[in-house]
Amino acid sequence: MEFQNSFYIIEHDNKLEIMSHEKLMAMDKNTYQLIQNFQNHSEAVTEMLRLVHEGQSALHDRIDKFL
């Protein structure tokens, strides 16, 4: 994989973000958690959408338990 052109999903300030390699390398390594890296932006967006939908489903399940 060519890391200079890759994109990453990270957790930063309690939210998911997509970062380019260049921007990620400029960040303090203690301020984020790396989730996964991808060869292109499209793959990162697709996976982030999946993660968000998965999180929403889990939240709906938790809410349904209280109703």
N, C-alpha and C. Protein backbone atom coordinates (compact mmCIF):
# COMPACT_ATOMS: atom_id res chain seq x y z
N MET A 1 0.84 -1.18 0.00
CA MET A 1 0.00 0.00 0.00
C MET A 1 0.88 1.24 0.00
N GLU A 2 0.51 2.21 -0.77
CA GLU A 2 1.25 3.47 -0.85
C GLU A 2 0.66 4.43 0.19
N PHE A 3 1.32 4.53 1.33
CA PHE A 3 0.75 5.26 2.46
C PHE A 3 0.58 6.75 2.19
N GLN A 4 1.41 7.36 1.38
CA GLN A 4 1.28 8.79 1.10
C GLN A 4 -0.05 9.13 0.46
N ASN A 5 -0.68 8.18 -0.23
CA ASN A 5 -1.96 8.42 -0.90
C ASN A 5 -3.12 7.71 -0.21
N SER A 6 -2.91 7.23 1.01
CA SER A 6 -3.96 6.49 1.69
C SER A 6 -4.78 7.39 2.61
N PHE A 7 -5.91 6.86 3.05
CA PHE A 7 -6.81 7.57 3.95
C PHE A 7 -7.08 6.69 5.16
N TYR A 8 -7.39 7.31 6.27
CA TYR A 8 -7.56 6.61 7.54
C TYR A 8 -8.89 7.00 8.17
N ILE A 9 -9.50 6.03 8.84
CA ILE A 9 -10.61 6.33 9.74
C ILE A 9 -10.00 6.35 11.13
N ILE A 10 -10.24 7.44 11.84
CA ILE A 10 -9.73 7.57 13.20
C ILE A 10 -10.87 7.99 14.12
N GLU A 11 -10.68 7.76 15.40
CA GLU A 11 -11.57 8.32 16.41
C GLU A 11 -10.81 9.46 17.06
N HIS A 12 -11.40 10.64 17.01
CA HIS A 12 -10.76 11.85 17.52
C HIS A 12 -11.83 12.70 18.18
N ASP A 13 -11.60 13.08 19.43
CA ASP A 13 -12.59 13.86 20.20
C ASP A 13 -13.95 13.16 20.21
N ASN A 14 -13.94 11.84 20.43
CA ASN A 14 -15.15 11.02 20.53
C ASN A 14 -16.01 11.00 19.27
N LYS A 15 -15.40 11.19 18.11
CA LYS A 15 -16.13 11.06 16.86
C LYS A 15 -15.23 10.46 15.80
N LEU A 16 -15.85 9.84 14.80
CA LEU A 16 -15.10 9.24 13.70
C LEU A 16 -14.79 10.31 12.67
N GLU A 17 -13.59 10.23 12.11
CA GLU A 17 -13.17 11.17 11.08
C GLU A 17 -12.37 10.42 10.02
N ILE A 18 -12.39 10.93 8.81
CA ILE A 18 -11.55 10.41 7.74
C ILE A 18 -10.42 11.42 7.53
N MET A 19 -9.19 10.91 7.54
CA MET A 19 -8.02 11.77 7.40
C MET A 19 -7.12 11.27 6.28
N SER A 20 -6.54 12.20 5.56
CA SER A 20 -5.50 11.83 4.60
C SER A 20 -4.23 11.49 5.38
N HIS A 21 -3.33 10.80 4.75
CA HIS A 21 -2.06 10.44 5.39
C HIS A 21 -1.32 11.69 5.85
N GLU A 22 -1.27 12.69 4.99
CA GLU A 22 -0.56 13.93 5.31
C GLU A 22 -1.12 14.61 6.56
N LYS A 23 -2.44 14.71 6.65
CA LYS A 23 -3.06 15.35 7.83
C LYS A 23 -2.87 14.51 9.09
N LEU A 24 -2.96 13.19 8.93
CA LEU A 24 -2.78 12.32 10.09
C LEU A 24 -1.37 12.44 10.65
N MET A 25 -0.37 12.51 9.79
CA MET A 25 1.01 12.61 10.25
C MET A 25 1.29 13.93 10.96
N ALA A 26 0.47 14.94 10.71
CA ALA A 26 0.64 16.24 11.36
C ALA A 26 -0.01 16.28 12.75
N MET A 27 -0.84 15.28 13.05
CA MET A 27 -1.54 15.26 14.34
C MET A 27 -0.66 14.64 15.42
N ASP A 28 -0.93 15.02 16.66
CA ASP A 28 -0.28 14.40 17.81
C ASP A 28 -0.80 12.97 17.95
N LYS A 29 0.09 12.01 17.99
CA LYS A 29 -0.30 10.59 18.02
C LYS A 29 -1.09 10.21 19.26
N ASN A 30 -1.06 11.03 20.29
CA ASN A 30 -1.78 10.74 21.53
C ASN A 30 -3.20 11.30 21.53
N THR A 31 -3.62 11.92 20.42
CA THR A 31 -4.94 12.56 20.40
C THR A 31 -5.98 11.80 19.59
N TYR A 32 -5.61 10.66 19.03
CA TYR A 32 -6.56 9.91 18.21
C TYR A 32 -6.30 8.42 18.33
N GLN A 33 -7.31 7.64 17.95
CA GLN A 33 -7.15 6.19 17.86
C GLN A 33 -7.37 5.80 16.41
N LEU A 34 -6.42 5.09 15.84
CA LEU A 34 -6.52 4.63 14.46
C LEU A 34 -7.47 3.45 14.39
N ILE A 35 -8.47 3.55 13.52
CA ILE A 35 -9.43 2.47 13.33
C ILE A 35 -8.99 1.58 12.17
N GLN A 36 -8.73 2.20 11.00
CA GLN A 36 -8.36 1.42 9.82
C GLN A 36 -7.81 2.35 8.74
N ASN A 37 -6.99 1.80 7.85
CA ASN A 37 -6.52 2.60 6.72
C ASN A 37 -7.01 1.99 5.41
N PHE A 38 -7.08 2.83 4.37
CA PHE A 38 -7.65 2.45 3.08
C PHE A 38 -6.80 3.00 1.95
N GLN A 39 -6.89 2.34 0.80
CA GLN A 39 -6.11 2.75 -0.36
C GLN A 39 -6.64 4.03 -0.99
N ASN A 40 -7.93 4.31 -0.81
CA ASN A 40 -8.48 5.55 -1.40
C ASN A 40 -9.60 6.09 -0.53
N HIS A 41 -9.99 7.31 -0.84
CA HIS A 41 -11.01 8.01 -0.06
C HIS A 41 -12.37 7.32 -0.14
N SER A 42 -12.71 6.82 -1.30
CA SER A 42 -14.00 6.16 -1.51
C SER A 42 -14.17 4.95 -0.58
N GLU A 43 -13.14 4.14 -0.46
CA GLU A 43 -13.20 2.98 0.43
C GLU A 43 -13.36 3.42 1.89
N ALA A 44 -12.69 4.48 2.27
CA ALA A 44 -12.79 4.99 3.64
C ALA A 44 -14.21 5.49 3.91
N VAL A 45 -14.80 6.19 2.96
CA VAL A 45 -16.16 6.71 3.14
C VAL A 45 -17.16 5.56 3.25
N THR A 46 -17.02 4.55 2.41
CA THR A 46 -17.91 3.40 2.44
C THR A 46 -17.86 2.71 3.81
N GLU A 47 -16.65 2.51 4.32
CA GLU A 47 -16.52 1.85 5.63
C GLU A 47 -17.03 2.73 6.75
N MET A 48 -16.80 4.03 6.67
CA MET A 48 -17.29 4.93 7.73
C MET A 48 -18.81 4.93 7.75
N LEU A 49 -19.44 4.93 6.59
CA LEU A 49 -20.90 4.85 6.54
C LEU A 49 -21.40 3.56 7.17
N ARG A 50 -20.71 2.46 6.92
CA ARG A 50 -21.09 1.19 7.52
C ARG A 50 -20.97 1.25 9.04
N LEU A 51 -19.88 1.83 9.53
CA LEU A 51 -19.69 1.95 10.97
C LEU A 51 -20.75 2.83 11.62
N VAL A 52 -21.10 3.92 10.97
CA VAL A 52 -22.12 4.82 11.50
C VAL A 52 -23.48 4.12 11.55
N HIS A 53 -23.84 3.41 10.48
CA HIS A 53 -25.11 2.67 10.46
C HIS A 53 -25.13 1.58 11.53
N GLU A 54 -24.01 0.92 11.71
CA GLU A 54 -23.90 -0.11 12.75
C GLU A 54 -24.10 0.51 14.14
N GLY A 55 -23.51 1.66 14.36
CA GLY A 55 -23.68 2.37 15.62
C GLY A 55 -25.11 2.82 15.84
N GLN A 56 -25.76 3.27 14.79
CA GLN A 56 -27.16 3.68 14.90
C GLN A 56 -28.06 2.50 15.24
N SER A 57 -27.81 1.37 14.62
CA SER A 57 -28.61 0.17 14.90
C SER A 57 -28.44 -0.26 16.35
N ALA A 58 -27.22 -0.22 16.84
CA ALA A 58 -26.96 -0.59 18.23
C ALA A 58 -27.65 0.37 19.18
N LEU A 59 -27.65 1.66 18.85
CA LEU A 59 -28.32 2.65 19.68
C LEU A 59 -29.83 2.43 19.69
N HIS A 60 -30.40 2.16 18.52
CA HIS A 60 -31.84 1.88 18.44
C HIS A 60 -32.21 0.66 19.28
N ASP A 61 -31.37 -0.37 19.25
CA ASP A 61 -31.62 -1.56 20.05
C ASP A 61 -31.61 -1.24 21.54
N ARG A 62 -30.66 -0.41 21.97
CA ARG A 62 -30.60 -0.01 23.38
C ARG A 62 -31.82 0.81 23.79
N ILE A 63 -32.25 1.71 22.91
CA ILE A 63 -33.43 2.53 23.20
C ILE A 63 -34.67 1.66 23.29
N ASP A 64 -34.80 0.70 22.38
CA ASP A 64 -35.97 -0.18 22.39
C ASP A 64 -36.09 -0.97 23.68
N LYS A 65 -34.98 -1.28 24.32
CA LYS A 65 -35.01 -2.02 25.59
C LYS A 65 -35.64 -1.20 26.71
N PHE A 66 -35.55 0.12 26.61
CA PHE A 66 -36.08 1.00 27.64
C PHE A 66 -37.53 1.38 27.41
N LEU A 67 -38.04 1.15 26.21
CA LEU A 67 -39.42 1.53 25.90
C LEU A 67 -40.40 0.42 26.14
